[in-house]
N, C-alpha and C. Protein backbone atom coordinates (compact mmCIF):
# COMPACT_ATOMS: atom_id res chain seq x y z
N MET A 1 13.32 -55.88 9.97
CA MET A 1 11.93 -55.98 9.98
C MET A 1 11.49 -56.66 11.32
N ASN A 2 10.78 -56.01 12.12
CA ASN A 2 10.32 -56.63 13.46
C ASN A 2 9.35 -57.85 13.33
N ASN A 3 9.16 -58.49 14.36
CA ASN A 3 8.33 -59.72 14.06
C ASN A 3 6.69 -59.41 14.08
N THR A 4 6.22 -58.31 14.22
CA THR A 4 4.73 -57.99 14.11
C THR A 4 4.48 -57.56 12.52
N ALA A 5 5.45 -57.03 11.91
CA ALA A 5 5.10 -56.61 10.50
C ALA A 5 4.46 -57.58 9.67
N PRO A 6 4.96 -58.93 9.58
CA PRO A 6 4.25 -59.89 8.63
C PRO A 6 2.87 -60.32 9.18
N ILE A 7 2.68 -60.30 10.62
CA ILE A 7 1.45 -60.67 11.09
C ILE A 7 0.50 -59.75 10.95
N ALA A 8 0.91 -58.34 10.98
CA ALA A 8 0.11 -57.16 10.78
C ALA A 8 -0.37 -57.11 9.22
N VAL A 9 0.55 -57.28 8.21
CA VAL A 9 0.28 -57.31 7.04
C VAL A 9 -0.69 -58.54 6.50
N TRP A 10 -0.54 -59.66 7.02
CA TRP A 10 -1.32 -60.80 6.88
C TRP A 10 -2.56 -60.46 7.39
N SER A 11 -2.78 -59.81 8.60
CA SER A 11 -4.15 -59.49 9.12
C SER A 11 -4.95 -58.44 8.23
N TYR A 12 -4.18 -57.61 7.78
CA TYR A 12 -4.78 -56.63 6.73
C TYR A 12 -5.08 -57.20 5.45
N LEU A 13 -4.35 -58.06 4.86
CA LEU A 13 -4.81 -58.85 3.64
C LEU A 13 -6.13 -59.72 3.89
N VAL A 14 -6.38 -60.33 5.06
CA VAL A 14 -7.45 -61.11 5.38
C VAL A 14 -8.73 -60.19 5.44
N VAL A 15 -8.53 -58.97 6.20
CA VAL A 15 -9.60 -58.09 6.40
C VAL A 15 -9.92 -57.41 5.05
N ALA A 16 -8.91 -57.03 4.28
CA ALA A 16 -9.30 -56.52 3.03
C ALA A 16 -9.78 -57.42 2.01
N THR A 17 -9.29 -58.61 1.96
CA THR A 17 -9.94 -59.63 1.19
C THR A 17 -11.62 -59.87 1.59
N LEU A 18 -11.92 -59.90 2.76
CA LEU A 18 -13.20 -60.13 3.20
C LEU A 18 -14.09 -58.97 2.86
N LEU A 19 -13.45 -57.73 3.04
CA LEU A 19 -14.15 -56.63 2.57
C LEU A 19 -14.50 -56.48 1.15
N GLU A 20 -13.52 -56.97 0.21
CA GLU A 20 -13.74 -57.04 -1.25
C GLU A 20 -14.93 -58.05 -1.46
N TRP A 21 -14.83 -59.12 -0.84
CA TRP A 21 -15.97 -60.34 -0.89
C TRP A 21 -17.27 -59.59 -0.55
N VAL A 22 -17.34 -58.81 0.46
CA VAL A 22 -18.79 -58.08 0.80
C VAL A 22 -19.09 -57.27 -0.23
N LEU A 23 -18.10 -56.50 -0.77
CA LEU A 23 -18.41 -55.45 -1.78
C LEU A 23 -18.72 -56.16 -3.08
N ALA A 24 -18.22 -57.27 -3.45
CA ALA A 24 -18.61 -57.93 -4.61
C ALA A 24 -19.91 -58.80 -4.49
N LYS A 25 -20.33 -59.13 -3.51
CA LYS A 25 -21.63 -59.70 -3.20
C LYS A 25 -22.76 -58.58 -3.19
N ASN A 26 -22.26 -57.30 -3.29
CA ASN A 26 -23.27 -56.15 -3.34
C ASN A 26 -24.14 -55.99 -2.13
N LEU A 27 -23.43 -56.45 -0.94
CA LEU A 27 -24.21 -56.41 0.38
C LEU A 27 -24.26 -54.95 0.77
N LEU A 28 -23.36 -54.12 0.31
CA LEU A 28 -23.42 -52.69 0.54
C LEU A 28 -24.05 -51.82 -0.52
N SER A 29 -24.84 -50.92 -0.23
CA SER A 29 -25.63 -50.34 -1.45
C SER A 29 -24.98 -49.11 -1.98
N LEU A 30 -23.63 -49.35 -2.59
CA LEU A 30 -22.89 -48.59 -3.40
C LEU A 30 -23.20 -48.86 -4.95
N GLY A 31 -22.98 -47.92 -5.59
CA GLY A 31 -23.30 -47.99 -7.11
C GLY A 31 -22.09 -48.95 -7.72
N THR A 32 -22.26 -49.36 -8.69
CA THR A 32 -21.42 -50.48 -9.30
C THR A 32 -20.09 -49.96 -9.51
N ILE A 33 -20.08 -48.70 -10.27
CA ILE A 33 -18.72 -48.10 -10.44
C ILE A 33 -18.03 -47.68 -9.28
N TYR A 34 -18.71 -47.29 -8.24
CA TYR A 34 -17.99 -46.95 -7.04
C TYR A 34 -17.49 -48.29 -6.25
N THR A 35 -18.29 -49.42 -6.41
CA THR A 35 -17.97 -50.62 -5.88
C THR A 35 -16.53 -51.02 -6.55
N ASN A 36 -16.50 -50.99 -7.88
CA ASN A 36 -15.36 -51.40 -8.55
C ASN A 36 -14.17 -50.55 -8.28
N ILE A 37 -14.43 -49.19 -7.96
CA ILE A 37 -13.17 -48.36 -7.73
C ILE A 37 -12.82 -48.75 -6.26
N VAL A 38 -13.59 -49.04 -5.36
CA VAL A 38 -13.07 -49.45 -4.06
C VAL A 38 -12.55 -50.76 -4.11
N ILE A 39 -12.94 -51.69 -4.66
CA ILE A 39 -12.34 -53.12 -4.85
C ILE A 39 -10.94 -52.96 -5.48
N ALA A 40 -10.76 -52.09 -6.71
CA ALA A 40 -9.50 -51.90 -7.32
C ALA A 40 -8.45 -51.23 -6.25
N ALA A 41 -8.97 -50.36 -5.43
CA ALA A 41 -8.20 -49.58 -4.59
C ALA A 41 -7.64 -50.62 -3.46
N LEU A 42 -8.63 -51.31 -2.92
CA LEU A 42 -8.19 -52.33 -1.90
C LEU A 42 -7.21 -53.27 -2.56
N ALA A 43 -7.25 -53.86 -3.88
CA ALA A 43 -6.33 -54.66 -4.26
C ALA A 43 -5.14 -54.09 -4.43
N ALA A 44 -5.13 -52.72 -4.90
CA ALA A 44 -3.80 -52.20 -5.08
C ALA A 44 -2.92 -51.99 -3.75
N SER A 45 -3.83 -51.69 -2.71
CA SER A 45 -3.23 -51.63 -1.34
C SER A 45 -2.65 -52.97 -1.03
N GLN A 46 -3.27 -54.01 -1.14
CA GLN A 46 -2.82 -55.35 -0.92
C GLN A 46 -1.47 -55.55 -1.65
N ILE A 47 -1.57 -55.27 -2.92
CA ILE A 47 -0.22 -55.46 -3.75
C ILE A 47 0.95 -54.71 -3.07
N LEU A 48 0.63 -53.34 -2.76
CA LEU A 48 1.74 -52.60 -2.18
C LEU A 48 2.06 -53.12 -0.85
N ALA A 49 1.16 -53.49 -0.03
CA ALA A 49 1.68 -53.92 1.36
C ALA A 49 2.53 -55.25 1.17
N VAL A 50 2.15 -56.12 0.25
CA VAL A 50 2.88 -57.43 0.10
C VAL A 50 4.46 -57.04 -0.57
N ALA A 51 4.25 -56.02 -1.36
CA ALA A 51 5.66 -55.60 -2.12
C ALA A 51 6.72 -54.99 -1.19
N MET A 52 6.01 -54.12 -0.26
CA MET A 52 6.81 -53.26 0.50
C MET A 52 7.37 -54.21 1.75
N VAL A 53 6.59 -55.20 2.29
CA VAL A 53 7.06 -55.89 3.48
C VAL A 53 7.77 -57.21 3.17
N PHE A 54 7.08 -58.00 2.35
CA PHE A 54 7.72 -59.43 1.82
C PHE A 54 8.67 -59.54 0.89
N LEU A 55 8.60 -58.33 0.06
CA LEU A 55 9.68 -58.38 -1.01
C LEU A 55 10.65 -57.34 -0.76
N ARG A 56 10.65 -56.74 0.50
CA ARG A 56 11.48 -55.79 1.15
C ARG A 56 11.78 -54.67 0.24
N LEU A 57 10.82 -54.13 -0.55
CA LEU A 57 10.98 -53.00 -1.37
C LEU A 57 11.25 -51.71 -0.47
N LYS A 58 10.77 -51.74 0.78
CA LYS A 58 10.87 -50.74 1.55
C LYS A 58 12.34 -50.42 1.98
N TYR A 59 13.24 -51.42 1.77
CA TYR A 59 14.68 -51.12 2.14
C TYR A 59 15.53 -50.93 0.86
N GLU A 60 15.05 -51.03 -0.18
CA GLU A 60 15.72 -50.86 -1.47
C GLU A 60 15.92 -49.47 -1.84
N PRO A 61 17.00 -49.22 -2.70
CA PRO A 61 17.28 -47.86 -3.25
C PRO A 61 16.00 -47.46 -4.17
N ARG A 62 15.86 -46.20 -4.38
CA ARG A 62 14.69 -45.59 -5.00
C ARG A 62 14.75 -46.05 -6.42
N GLY A 63 15.79 -46.22 -7.06
CA GLY A 63 15.77 -46.68 -8.34
C GLY A 63 15.11 -48.01 -8.56
N ILE A 64 15.40 -48.98 -7.57
CA ILE A 64 14.72 -50.23 -7.86
C ILE A 64 13.34 -50.15 -7.56
N VAL A 65 12.92 -49.21 -6.57
CA VAL A 65 11.42 -49.11 -6.43
C VAL A 65 10.72 -48.52 -7.52
N GLY A 66 11.60 -47.58 -8.41
CA GLY A 66 10.80 -46.98 -9.53
C GLY A 66 10.74 -48.08 -10.68
N ILE A 67 11.70 -48.85 -10.67
CA ILE A 67 11.53 -49.90 -11.78
C ILE A 67 10.31 -50.66 -11.38
N ALA A 68 10.21 -51.16 -10.05
CA ALA A 68 9.14 -51.95 -9.61
C ALA A 68 7.76 -51.21 -9.89
N ALA A 69 7.57 -49.95 -9.69
CA ALA A 69 6.60 -49.21 -9.94
C ALA A 69 6.17 -49.16 -11.46
N ALA A 70 7.28 -48.99 -12.19
CA ALA A 70 6.90 -48.84 -13.69
C ALA A 70 6.46 -50.19 -13.99
N SER A 71 6.95 -51.31 -13.74
CA SER A 71 6.49 -52.49 -14.18
C SER A 71 5.18 -52.76 -13.67
N LEU A 72 4.73 -52.29 -12.45
CA LEU A 72 3.32 -52.52 -12.01
C LEU A 72 2.47 -51.72 -12.90
N PHE A 73 2.89 -50.42 -13.09
CA PHE A 73 1.99 -49.58 -13.94
C PHE A 73 1.70 -50.19 -15.41
N PHE A 74 2.86 -50.70 -15.95
CA PHE A 74 2.61 -51.41 -17.33
C PHE A 74 1.83 -52.49 -17.25
N ALA A 75 1.90 -53.20 -16.21
CA ALA A 75 1.20 -54.48 -16.21
C ALA A 75 -0.42 -54.14 -15.98
N VAL A 76 -0.63 -53.19 -15.15
CA VAL A 76 -2.18 -52.73 -15.11
C VAL A 76 -2.65 -52.20 -16.28
N LEU A 77 -1.59 -51.26 -17.04
CA LEU A 77 -2.21 -50.81 -18.41
C LEU A 77 -2.75 -51.95 -19.19
N ALA A 78 -1.66 -53.00 -19.26
CA ALA A 78 -1.91 -54.00 -20.09
C ALA A 78 -3.34 -54.88 -19.86
N VAL A 79 -3.54 -55.01 -18.64
CA VAL A 79 -4.66 -55.65 -18.28
C VAL A 79 -5.95 -54.79 -18.57
N VAL A 80 -5.82 -53.49 -18.37
CA VAL A 80 -6.92 -52.46 -18.71
C VAL A 80 -7.16 -52.43 -20.13
N LEU A 81 -6.24 -52.38 -20.85
CA LEU A 81 -6.38 -52.42 -22.40
C LEU A 81 -6.85 -53.75 -22.87
N ALA A 82 -6.58 -54.86 -22.31
CA ALA A 82 -7.09 -56.21 -22.76
C ALA A 82 -8.53 -56.21 -22.36
N LEU A 83 -8.90 -55.72 -21.19
CA LEU A 83 -10.34 -56.01 -20.77
C LEU A 83 -11.23 -55.00 -21.61
N GLY A 84 -10.53 -53.87 -21.99
CA GLY A 84 -11.29 -52.85 -22.92
C GLY A 84 -11.56 -53.32 -24.09
N SER A 85 -10.74 -54.21 -24.65
CA SER A 85 -10.95 -54.61 -25.99
C SER A 85 -11.90 -55.93 -26.17
N ILE A 86 -12.33 -56.53 -25.05
CA ILE A 86 -12.96 -57.61 -24.99
C ILE A 86 -14.47 -57.37 -25.59
N GLY A 87 -14.90 -56.22 -25.43
CA GLY A 87 -16.41 -55.98 -25.90
C GLY A 87 -16.34 -55.45 -27.24
N HIS A 88 -15.20 -55.37 -27.97
CA HIS A 88 -15.24 -54.79 -29.38
C HIS A 88 -15.05 -55.94 -30.30
């Protein structure tokens, strides 16, 4: 890993977090559902950037990356199902 990768990822995390904050404050005139989708996509890209660079999944065999992706999928599924059951 070269020396600029952590700085680039950190910069991306700062910019994406600020963009999420702007979207959450509804300063942009997007619909609520579209705002939530964009914020979720930004959060997923931040998770992916941290996992690939700082956890060094980029250099691991495909099996390890598959296990990490499956774990992430089930974690997101659990959160979505838990949030879905709050209103009932």
